[in-house]
Amino acid sequence: YPGTELYSKAKRDGLLAEADITWASDREKATARVVSGASGNFDDTIEIDEGANAGIREGMAVVTGGGLVGRVISASDDRAKVQLISDPSVTLGVKLAGSGEIATATGQGQGRSLRVTNVAQDTTVEMGEIAATSGLARSLFPSDIPVGEVVRIDENPGDPSKVLLVKPFARLDDLTFVSVI
């Protein structure tokens, strides 16, 4: 029952499972609790309760069991600030699972899907297709981290490329625990 020690343990265990990353089992990671969300309407960042003392450094990828959340943009001894992939200033390389096509995803703000561009018009893309980080040279993120699924495909005749909307797998508006890899 809510309020009992058993309920609290079950809830905590469920939240910890949220941070379990089976697809990244071979990567070293630090688990952290989200201690604050965005400080304003135009700030797509969170703060976590681990920092340099736990080996967390600027530029590291932040994930949940679902997929990519963002990257560390600053770290003190016991705290770190994470920029979410939904931030409009974030651009990342993604690879579409079906075709292997490399494209560019950009955040569009809290609660909105990522905008994926540079997909050739003749590339076959399916609704629900998975996008993962590309990991190309000079990429901000390691390869093969799940990002999200295609929820919309915009094709304009005469355009050399199509635009996709990709809904992130990670629930960016409801983060409790994350892992830094």
N, C-alpha and C. Protein backbone atom coordinates (compact mmCIF):
# COMPACT_ATOMS: atom_id res chain seq x y z
N TYR A 1 0.83 -1.19 0.00
CA TYR A 1 0.00 0.00 0.00
C TYR A 1 0.87 1.24 0.00
N PRO A 2 0.42 2.33 -0.68
CA PRO A 2 1.20 3.56 -0.68
C PRO A 2 1.50 4.00 0.75
N GLY A 3 2.73 4.46 0.97
CA GLY A 3 3.12 4.94 2.30
C GLY A 3 3.82 3.89 3.13
N THR A 4 3.71 2.64 2.75
CA THR A 4 4.37 1.59 3.53
C THR A 4 5.78 1.39 3.01
N GLU A 5 6.62 0.79 3.84
CA GLU A 5 8.01 0.54 3.45
C GLU A 5 8.07 -0.40 2.25
N LEU A 6 7.21 -1.41 2.20
CA LEU A 6 7.21 -2.36 1.10
C LEU A 6 6.86 -1.67 -0.21
N TYR A 7 5.86 -0.78 -0.18
CA TYR A 7 5.47 -0.05 -1.38
C TYR A 7 6.63 0.82 -1.84
N SER A 8 7.29 1.52 -0.92
CA SER A 8 8.40 2.40 -1.27
C SER A 8 9.53 1.61 -1.92
N LYS A 9 9.84 0.42 -1.37
CA LYS A 9 10.89 -0.41 -1.95
C LYS A 9 10.50 -0.86 -3.35
N ALA A 10 9.25 -1.27 -3.54
CA ALA A 10 8.79 -1.72 -4.85
C ALA A 10 8.85 -0.58 -5.86
N LYS A 11 8.45 0.60 -5.45
CA LYS A 11 8.49 1.76 -6.34
C LYS A 11 9.94 2.09 -6.70
N ARG A 12 10.83 2.09 -5.71
CA ARG A 12 12.25 2.39 -5.95
C ARG A 12 12.84 1.37 -6.90
N ASP A 13 12.53 0.09 -6.68
CA ASP A 13 13.06 -0.96 -7.54
C ASP A 13 12.57 -0.78 -8.98
N GLY A 14 11.32 -0.36 -9.13
CA GLY A 14 10.77 -0.10 -10.46
C GLY A 14 11.48 1.06 -11.14
N LEU A 15 11.77 2.10 -10.37
CA LEU A 15 12.48 3.24 -10.93
C LEU A 15 13.91 2.88 -11.29
N LEU A 16 14.54 2.06 -10.50
CA LEU A 16 15.90 1.63 -10.82
C LEU A 16 15.91 0.77 -12.08
N ALA A 17 14.86 -0.02 -12.28
CA ALA A 17 14.76 -0.83 -13.49
C ALA A 17 14.67 0.06 -14.72
N GLU A 18 14.09 1.26 -14.55
CA GLU A 18 13.98 2.25 -15.60
C GLU A 18 15.36 2.61 -16.15
N ALA A 19 16.36 2.60 -15.28
CA ALA A 19 17.71 2.98 -15.68
C ALA A 19 18.52 1.78 -16.15
N ASP A 20 17.96 0.56 -16.15
CA ASP A 20 18.68 -0.62 -16.61
C ASP A 20 18.75 -0.59 -18.13
N ILE A 21 19.94 -0.77 -18.64
CA ILE A 21 20.16 -0.62 -20.07
C ILE A 21 20.72 -1.91 -20.63
N THR A 22 19.85 -2.80 -21.06
CA THR A 22 20.32 -4.09 -21.55
C THR A 22 21.09 -3.92 -22.86
N TRP A 23 20.73 -2.95 -23.70
CA TRP A 23 21.41 -2.77 -24.98
C TRP A 23 22.78 -2.13 -24.81
N ALA A 24 23.12 -1.67 -23.62
CA ALA A 24 24.44 -1.06 -23.37
C ALA A 24 25.17 -1.80 -22.26
N SER A 25 24.93 -3.09 -22.15
CA SER A 25 25.50 -3.85 -21.03
C SER A 25 27.02 -3.89 -21.05
N ASP A 26 27.63 -3.69 -22.21
CA ASP A 26 29.09 -3.72 -22.30
C ASP A 26 29.73 -2.35 -22.08
N ARG A 27 28.93 -1.33 -21.84
CA ARG A 27 29.45 0.02 -21.64
C ARG A 27 29.48 0.37 -20.16
N GLU A 28 30.54 1.04 -19.75
CA GLU A 28 30.64 1.49 -18.37
C GLU A 28 29.64 2.64 -18.17
N LYS A 29 28.95 2.62 -17.02
CA LYS A 29 27.94 3.66 -16.80
C LYS A 29 27.81 3.99 -15.31
N ALA A 30 27.32 5.18 -15.05
CA ALA A 30 27.03 5.62 -13.68
C ALA A 30 25.55 5.97 -13.63
N THR A 31 24.84 5.44 -12.66
CA THR A 31 23.41 5.74 -12.50
C THR A 31 23.25 6.93 -11.59
N ALA A 32 22.32 7.82 -11.95
CA ALA A 32 22.09 9.04 -11.18
C ALA A 32 20.60 9.32 -11.11
N ARG A 33 20.23 10.04 -10.06
CA ARG A 33 18.84 10.46 -9.87
C ARG A 33 18.69 11.88 -10.43
N VAL A 34 17.59 12.13 -11.10
CA VAL A 34 17.29 13.47 -11.59
C VAL A 34 16.81 14.28 -10.39
N VAL A 35 17.49 15.40 -10.10
CA VAL A 35 17.14 16.20 -8.92
C VAL A 35 16.41 17.48 -9.28
N SER A 36 16.48 17.91 -10.53
CA SER A 36 15.67 19.06 -10.95
C SER A 36 15.49 19.04 -12.46
N GLY A 37 14.37 19.60 -12.86
CA GLY A 37 14.06 19.67 -14.28
C GLY A 37 14.47 21.01 -14.84
N ALA A 38 13.94 21.32 -15.99
CA ALA A 38 14.24 22.58 -16.66
C ALA A 38 13.86 23.76 -15.78
N SER A 39 14.73 24.78 -15.79
CA SER A 39 14.47 25.95 -14.96
C SER A 39 13.58 26.97 -15.63
N GLY A 40 13.24 26.77 -16.90
CA GLY A 40 12.36 27.70 -17.60
C GLY A 40 11.72 27.02 -18.79
N ASN A 41 10.83 27.74 -19.46
CA ASN A 41 10.11 27.18 -20.60
C ASN A 41 11.01 26.88 -21.79
N PHE A 42 12.15 27.57 -21.88
CA PHE A 42 13.02 27.42 -23.04
C PHE A 42 14.31 26.69 -22.70
N ASP A 43 14.33 26.02 -21.55
CA ASP A 43 15.52 25.35 -21.06
C ASP A 43 15.26 23.85 -21.02
N ASP A 44 15.76 23.14 -21.99
CA ASP A 44 15.58 21.68 -22.04
C ASP A 44 16.78 20.99 -21.39
N THR A 45 16.90 21.19 -20.06
CA THR A 45 17.98 20.57 -19.31
C THR A 45 17.42 19.97 -18.03
N ILE A 46 18.21 19.04 -17.46
CA ILE A 46 17.92 18.48 -16.15
C ILE A 46 19.21 18.51 -15.35
N GLU A 47 19.09 18.36 -14.03
CA GLU A 47 20.27 18.25 -13.18
C GLU A 47 20.22 16.89 -12.51
N ILE A 48 21.38 16.23 -12.45
CA ILE A 48 21.46 14.91 -11.81
C ILE A 48 22.37 14.98 -10.59
N ASP A 49 22.19 14.00 -9.68
CA ASP A 49 22.88 14.03 -8.38
C ASP A 49 24.25 13.35 -8.37
N GLU A 50 24.85 13.16 -9.52
CA GLU A 50 26.21 12.62 -9.61
C GLU A 50 27.02 13.54 -10.51
N GLY A 51 28.31 13.59 -10.28
CA GLY A 51 29.17 14.46 -11.08
C GLY A 51 30.55 13.88 -11.24
N ALA A 52 31.55 14.75 -11.22
CA ALA A 52 32.93 14.35 -11.47
C ALA A 52 33.42 13.28 -10.50
N ASN A 53 32.94 13.31 -9.25
CA ASN A 53 33.35 12.28 -8.28
C ASN A 53 32.92 10.88 -8.70
N ALA A 54 31.89 10.77 -9.55
CA ALA A 54 31.41 9.48 -10.05
C ALA A 54 31.97 9.20 -11.45
N GLY A 55 32.92 10.04 -11.91
CA GLY A 55 33.52 9.84 -13.22
C GLY A 55 32.78 10.50 -14.36
N ILE A 56 31.79 11.33 -14.05
CA ILE A 56 30.98 11.99 -15.08
C ILE A 56 31.71 13.24 -15.57
N ARG A 57 31.81 13.34 -16.90
CA ARG A 57 32.49 14.48 -17.53
C ARG A 57 31.61 15.10 -18.61
N GLU A 58 31.91 16.34 -18.92
CA GLU A 58 31.22 17.05 -19.98
C GLU A 58 31.30 16.25 -21.28
N GLY A 59 30.20 16.17 -22.01
CA GLY A 59 30.15 15.49 -23.29
C GLY A 59 29.67 14.05 -23.23
N MET A 60 29.56 13.46 -22.04
CA MET A 60 29.12 12.06 -21.94
C MET A 60 27.63 11.94 -22.28
N ALA A 61 27.27 10.81 -22.87
CA ALA A 61 25.88 10.53 -23.24
C ALA A 61 25.08 10.14 -22.00
N VAL A 62 23.81 10.54 -21.97
CA VAL A 62 22.90 10.23 -20.87
C VAL A 62 21.72 9.47 -21.46
N VAL A 63 21.38 8.34 -20.83
CA VAL A 63 20.37 7.44 -21.37
C VAL A 63 19.47 6.90 -20.26
N THR A 64 18.37 6.28 -20.68
CA THR A 64 17.55 5.45 -19.81
C THR A 64 17.47 4.09 -20.48
N GLY A 65 16.74 3.17 -19.88
CA GLY A 65 16.53 1.87 -20.50
C GLY A 65 15.85 2.00 -21.85
N GLY A 66 15.11 3.08 -22.06
CA GLY A 66 14.42 3.31 -23.32
C GLY A 66 15.33 3.79 -24.42
N GLY A 67 16.28 4.65 -24.07
CA GLY A 67 17.15 5.19 -25.10
C GLY A 67 17.80 6.49 -24.70
N LEU A 68 18.24 7.23 -25.70
CA LEU A 68 19.01 8.46 -25.51
C LEU A 68 18.17 9.55 -24.86
N VAL A 69 18.76 10.22 -23.87
CA VAL A 69 18.14 11.34 -23.16
C VAL A 69 18.83 12.64 -23.56
N GLY A 70 20.17 12.65 -23.57
CA GLY A 70 20.91 13.86 -23.89
C GLY A 70 22.38 13.67 -23.60
N ARG A 71 23.04 14.80 -23.27
CA ARG A 71 24.47 14.73 -22.96
C ARG A 71 24.81 15.71 -21.85
N VAL A 72 25.84 15.38 -21.11
CA VAL A 72 26.30 16.22 -20.00
C VAL A 72 26.93 17.48 -20.59
N ILE A 73 26.46 18.65 -20.13
CA ILE A 73 27.05 19.90 -20.61
C ILE A 73 27.91 20.58 -19.55
N SER A 74 27.77 20.16 -18.28
CA SER A 74 28.67 20.64 -17.24
C SER A 74 28.59 19.68 -16.06
N ALA A 75 29.71 19.61 -15.31
CA ALA A 75 29.75 18.71 -14.16
C ALA A 75 30.58 19.33 -13.05
N SER A 76 30.02 19.34 -11.84
CA SER A 76 30.77 19.72 -10.65
C SER A 76 31.11 18.41 -9.95
N ASP A 77 31.65 18.48 -8.73
CA ASP A 77 32.03 17.27 -8.03
C ASP A 77 30.86 16.30 -7.83
N ASP A 78 29.68 16.83 -7.45
CA ASP A 78 28.57 15.94 -7.11
C ASP A 78 27.26 16.25 -7.85
N ARG A 79 27.33 17.00 -8.92
CA ARG A 79 26.15 17.32 -9.73
C ARG A 79 26.57 17.44 -11.19
N ALA A 80 25.61 17.26 -12.09
CA ALA A 80 25.87 17.48 -13.51
C ALA A 80 24.60 18.02 -14.16
N LYS A 81 24.80 18.84 -15.17
CA LYS A 81 23.69 19.40 -15.94
C LYS A 81 23.66 18.67 -17.28
N VAL A 82 22.46 18.24 -17.67
CA VAL A 82 22.27 17.45 -18.88
C VAL A 82 21.37 18.21 -19.85
N GLN A 83 21.84 18.39 -21.08
CA GLN A 83 21.03 18.99 -22.13
C GLN A 83 20.26 17.87 -22.81
N LEU A 84 18.93 17.98 -22.83
CA LEU A 84 18.07 16.95 -23.42
C LEU A 84 18.09 17.01 -24.94
N ILE A 85 17.84 15.89 -25.59
CA ILE A 85 17.81 15.85 -27.05
C ILE A 85 16.65 16.66 -27.62
N SER A 86 15.69 17.01 -26.80
CA SER A 86 14.57 17.82 -27.26
C SER A 86 14.94 19.29 -27.43
N ASP A 87 16.08 19.72 -26.89
CA ASP A 87 16.52 21.11 -26.98
C ASP A 87 16.73 21.48 -28.46
N PRO A 88 16.15 22.60 -28.91
CA PRO A 88 16.29 22.99 -30.32
C PRO A 88 17.73 23.24 -30.77
N SER A 89 18.65 23.41 -29.84
CA SER A 89 20.05 23.62 -30.24
C SER A 89 20.80 22.30 -30.40
N VAL A 90 20.14 21.18 -30.11
CA VAL A 90 20.79 19.87 -30.23
C VAL A 90 20.57 19.29 -31.62
N THR A 91 21.67 18.89 -32.24
CA THR A 91 21.63 18.19 -33.52
C THR A 91 22.49 16.94 -33.37
N LEU A 92 21.97 15.81 -33.83
CA LEU A 92 22.73 14.57 -33.72
C LEU A 92 22.55 13.72 -34.95
N GLY A 93 23.58 12.94 -35.24
CA GLY A 93 23.51 12.01 -36.36
C GLY A 93 22.75 10.77 -35.95
N VAL A 94 21.83 10.34 -36.81
CA VAL A 94 21.08 9.12 -36.55
C VAL A 94 21.18 8.19 -37.75
N LYS A 95 20.97 6.91 -37.47
CA LYS A 95 20.95 5.89 -38.51
C LYS A 95 19.59 5.21 -38.46
N LEU A 96 18.92 5.12 -39.60
CA LEU A 96 17.63 4.44 -39.67
C LEU A 96 17.86 2.93 -39.75
N ALA A 97 17.16 2.19 -38.93
CA ALA A 97 17.39 0.75 -38.81
C ALA A 97 17.10 0.00 -40.10
N GLY A 98 16.05 0.37 -40.80
CA GLY A 98 15.66 -0.38 -42.00
C GLY A 98 16.62 -0.24 -43.15
N SER A 99 16.99 0.98 -43.48
CA SER A 99 17.83 1.24 -44.65
C SER A 99 19.29 1.45 -44.33
N GLY A 100 19.58 1.77 -43.06
CA GLY A 100 20.96 2.12 -42.70
C GLY A 100 21.30 3.55 -43.09
N GLU A 101 20.33 4.28 -43.60
CA GLU A 101 20.52 5.67 -44.03
C GLU A 101 20.95 6.52 -42.84
N ILE A 102 21.94 7.36 -43.06
CA ILE A 102 22.41 8.31 -42.05
C ILE A 102 21.70 9.63 -42.29
N ALA A 103 21.19 10.22 -41.21
CA ALA A 103 20.44 11.47 -41.31
C ALA A 103 20.77 12.35 -40.11
N THR A 104 20.15 13.51 -40.05
CA THR A 104 20.40 14.47 -38.98
C THR A 104 19.10 14.71 -38.22
N ALA A 105 19.14 14.56 -36.88
CA ALA A 105 17.97 14.81 -36.03
C ALA A 105 18.21 16.09 -35.23
N THR A 106 17.16 16.89 -35.10
CA THR A 106 17.23 18.15 -34.35
C THR A 106 16.07 18.21 -33.38
N GLY A 107 16.35 18.66 -32.15
CA GLY A 107 15.30 18.84 -31.16
C GLY A 107 14.36 19.96 -31.56
N GLN A 108 13.11 19.86 -31.12
CA GLN A 108 12.10 20.89 -31.43
C GLN A 108 11.42 21.41 -30.18
N GLY A 109 11.97 21.13 -29.01
CA GLY A 109 11.39 21.61 -27.77
C GLY A 109 10.71 20.50 -26.99
N GLN A 110 10.44 20.81 -25.71
CA GLN A 110 9.84 19.84 -24.81
C GLN A 110 8.53 19.29 -25.35
N GLY A 111 8.39 17.96 -25.24
CA GLY A 111 7.14 17.31 -25.63
C GLY A 111 6.95 17.13 -27.13
N ARG A 112 7.94 17.51 -27.92
CA ARG A 112 7.81 17.41 -29.37
C ARG A 112 8.78 16.37 -29.92
N SER A 113 8.42 15.81 -31.06
CA SER A 113 9.28 14.83 -31.73
C SER A 113 10.50 15.52 -32.32
N LEU A 114 11.55 14.73 -32.56
CA LEU A 114 12.75 15.24 -33.22
C LEU A 114 12.48 15.35 -34.71
N ARG A 115 13.06 16.37 -35.34
CA ARG A 115 12.92 16.55 -36.78
C ARG A 115 14.15 15.95 -37.44
N VAL A 116 13.93 14.98 -38.33
CA VAL A 116 15.04 14.29 -39.00
C VAL A 116 15.06 14.71 -40.46
N THR A 117 16.22 15.21 -40.89
CA THR A 117 16.38 15.69 -42.26
C THR A 117 17.53 14.95 -42.93
N ASN A 118 17.74 15.28 -44.20
CA ASN A 118 18.80 14.69 -45.02
C ASN A 118 18.57 13.21 -45.31
N VAL A 119 17.30 12.84 -45.45
CA VAL A 119 16.94 11.48 -45.84
C VAL A 119 16.59 11.52 -47.33
N ALA A 120 17.35 10.79 -48.13
CA ALA A 120 17.13 10.80 -49.58
C ALA A 120 15.69 10.41 -49.92
N GLN A 121 15.13 11.09 -50.90
CA GLN A 121 13.73 10.85 -51.31
C GLN A 121 13.50 9.39 -51.71
N ASP A 122 14.50 8.74 -52.28
CA ASP A 122 14.31 7.36 -52.73
C ASP A 122 14.56 6.32 -51.63
N THR A 123 14.86 6.77 -50.41
CA THR A 123 15.05 5.85 -49.29
C THR A 123 13.70 5.38 -48.78
N THR A 124 13.54 4.07 -48.62
CA THR A 124 12.30 3.52 -48.08
C THR A 124 12.33 3.66 -46.56
N VAL A 125 11.33 4.35 -46.02
CA VAL A 125 11.21 4.54 -44.58
C VAL A 125 9.82 4.09 -44.17
N GLU A 126 9.75 3.31 -43.10
CA GLU A 126 8.47 2.80 -42.61
C GLU A 126 8.07 3.53 -41.32
N MET A 127 6.78 3.69 -41.13
CA MET A 127 6.28 4.21 -39.85
C MET A 127 6.70 3.22 -38.77
N GLY A 128 7.17 3.73 -37.63
CA GLY A 128 7.60 2.87 -36.55
C GLY A 128 9.05 2.43 -36.66
N GLU A 129 9.71 2.78 -37.76
CA GLU A 129 11.11 2.41 -37.95
C GLU A 129 11.96 3.06 -36.85
N ILE A 130 12.96 2.34 -36.39
CA ILE A 130 13.80 2.81 -35.29
C ILE A 130 14.97 3.64 -35.81
N ALA A 131 15.24 4.73 -35.10
CA ALA A 131 16.43 5.54 -35.36
C ALA A 131 17.35 5.39 -34.16
N ALA A 132 18.64 5.21 -34.42
CA ALA A 132 19.64 5.08 -33.36
C ALA A 132 20.78 6.05 -33.68
N THR A 133 21.62 6.33 -32.69
CA THR A 133 22.74 7.23 -32.94
C THR A 133 23.67 6.61 -33.98
N SER A 134 24.23 7.47 -34.83
CA SER A 134 25.07 6.97 -35.92
C SER A 134 26.50 6.69 -35.47
N GLY A 135 27.01 7.48 -34.53
CA GLY A 135 28.37 7.28 -34.04
C GLY A 135 29.45 7.60 -35.05
N LEU A 136 29.11 8.41 -36.06
CA LEU A 136 30.11 8.78 -37.06
C LEU A 136 31.21 9.63 -36.42
N ALA A 137 32.30 9.80 -37.12
CA ALA A 137 33.42 10.60 -36.63
C ALA A 137 32.92 11.98 -36.19
N ARG A 138 33.44 12.46 -35.10
CA ARG A 138 33.09 13.75 -34.48
C ARG A 138 31.64 13.82 -34.00
N SER A 139 31.01 12.68 -33.85
CA SER A 139 29.64 12.63 -33.34
C SER A 139 29.65 12.93 -31.84
N LEU A 140 28.58 13.55 -31.36
CA LEU A 140 28.45 13.84 -29.93
C LEU A 140 28.14 12.59 -29.13
N PHE A 141 27.63 11.53 -29.77
CA PHE A 141 27.16 10.35 -29.07
C PHE A 141 27.78 9.08 -29.63
N PRO A 142 27.98 8.07 -28.77
CA PRO A 142 28.45 6.77 -29.27
C PRO A 142 27.42 6.15 -30.21
N SER A 143 27.82 5.18 -30.99
CA SER A 143 26.92 4.56 -31.95
C SER A 143 25.90 3.62 -31.30
N ASP A 144 24.82 3.42 -32.01
CA ASP A 144 23.80 2.41 -31.71
C ASP A 144 23.02 2.61 -30.41
N ILE A 145 22.88 3.85 -29.95
CA ILE A 145 22.00 4.12 -28.82
C ILE A 145 20.61 4.39 -29.41
N PRO A 146 19.59 3.63 -29.01
CA PRO A 146 18.24 3.89 -29.54
C PRO A 146 17.81 5.32 -29.25
N VAL A 147 17.25 5.97 -30.26
CA VAL A 147 16.79 7.36 -30.11
C VAL A 147 15.27 7.40 -30.08
N GLY A 148 14.63 6.80 -31.09
CA GLY A 148 13.18 6.84 -31.14
C GLY A 148 12.64 6.13 -32.36
N GLU A 149 11.34 6.35 -32.61
CA GLU A 149 10.69 5.70 -33.74
C GLU A 149 10.03 6.74 -34.64
N VAL A 150 10.01 6.45 -35.93
CA VAL A 150 9.43 7.34 -36.92
C VAL A 150 7.92 7.37 -36.72
N VAL A 151 7.38 8.59 -36.53
CA VAL A 151 5.93 8.75 -36.35
C VAL A 151 5.29 9.56 -37.48
N ARG A 152 6.13 10.16 -38.33
CA ARG A 152 5.58 10.90 -39.48
C ARG A 152 6.64 10.99 -40.57
N ILE A 153 6.18 10.89 -41.81
CA ILE A 153 7.06 10.98 -42.98
C ILE A 153 6.48 12.04 -43.91
N ASP A 154 7.25 13.09 -44.15
CA ASP A 154 6.83 14.16 -45.07
C ASP A 154 7.64 14.06 -46.35
N GLU A 155 6.92 13.80 -47.44
CA GLU A 155 7.56 13.71 -48.75
C GLU A 155 6.93 14.75 -49.66
N ASN A 156 7.76 15.61 -50.21
CA ASN A 156 7.28 16.61 -51.15
C ASN A 156 7.85 16.31 -52.53
N PRO A 157 6.97 16.07 -53.52
CA PRO A 157 7.47 15.79 -54.87
C PRO A 157 8.41 16.92 -55.33
N GLY A 158 9.50 16.53 -55.93
CA GLY A 158 10.47 17.51 -56.40
C GLY A 158 11.56 17.83 -55.40
N ASP A 159 11.33 17.51 -54.12
CA ASP A 159 12.36 17.71 -53.10
C ASP A 159 13.36 16.55 -53.18
N PRO A 160 14.65 16.83 -53.04
CA PRO A 160 15.62 15.74 -53.08
C PRO A 160 15.64 14.90 -51.80
N SER A 161 15.01 15.41 -50.74
CA SER A 161 15.00 14.65 -49.48
C SER A 161 13.64 14.74 -48.81
N LYS A 162 13.42 13.83 -47.87
CA LYS A 162 12.18 13.83 -47.10
C LYS A 162 12.50 14.19 -45.65
N VAL A 163 11.48 14.60 -44.91
CA VAL A 163 11.62 14.97 -43.51
C VAL A 163 10.82 13.99 -42.68
N LEU A 164 11.42 13.52 -41.59
CA LEU A 164 10.76 12.58 -40.69
C LEU A 164 10.58 13.22 -39.32
N LEU A 165 9.57 12.77 -38.60
CA LEU A 165 9.45 13.10 -37.18
C LEU A 165 9.69 11.81 -36.42
N VAL A 166 10.59 11.89 -35.44
CA VAL A 166 10.95 10.72 -34.64
C VAL A 166 10.61 11.01 -33.18
N LYS A 167 9.73 10.20 -32.63
CA LYS A 167 9.34 10.34 -31.22
C LYS A 167 10.39 9.62 -30.37
N PRO A 168 11.02 10.35 -29.42
CA PRO A 168 12.03 9.71 -28.58
C PRO A 168 11.45 8.55 -27.77
N PHE A 169 12.26 7.50 -27.60
CA PHE A 169 11.86 6.38 -26.76
C PHE A 169 11.87 6.78 -25.28
N ALA A 170 12.87 7.54 -24.87
CA ALA A 170 12.98 7.98 -23.47
C ALA A 170 11.88 9.00 -23.19
N ARG A 171 11.25 8.87 -22.04
CA ARG A 171 10.19 9.81 -21.64
C ARG A 171 10.87 11.04 -21.01
N LEU A 172 11.22 11.99 -21.84
CA LEU A 172 12.02 13.14 -21.42
C LEU A 172 11.32 14.04 -20.41
N ASP A 173 10.01 13.98 -20.37
CA ASP A 173 9.26 14.82 -19.43
C ASP A 173 8.97 14.11 -18.10
N ASP A 174 9.47 12.89 -17.94
CA ASP A 174 9.19 12.13 -16.73
C ASP A 174 10.40 11.27 -16.35
N LEU A 175 11.53 11.92 -16.16
CA LEU A 175 12.78 11.21 -15.84
C LEU A 175 13.00 11.20 -14.34
N THR A 176 13.32 10.02 -13.80
CA THR A 176 13.63 9.88 -12.38
C THR A 176 15.08 9.43 -12.20
N PHE A 177 15.47 8.38 -12.91
CA PHE A 177 16.84 7.88 -12.90
C PHE A 177 17.36 7.85 -14.33
N VAL A 178 18.64 8.14 -14.50
CA VAL A 178 19.29 8.05 -15.79
C VAL A 178 20.65 7.39 -15.60
N SER A 179 21.25 6.97 -16.69
CA SER A 179 22.61 6.45 -16.66
C SER A 179 23.46 7.30 -17.57
N VAL A 180 24.69 7.53 -17.15
CA VAL A 180 25.64 8.30 -17.94
C VAL A 180 26.66 7.30 -18.46
N ILE A 181 26.85 7.25 -19.79
CA ILE A 181 27.79 6.29 -20.37
C ILE A 181 28.92 7.01 -21.08
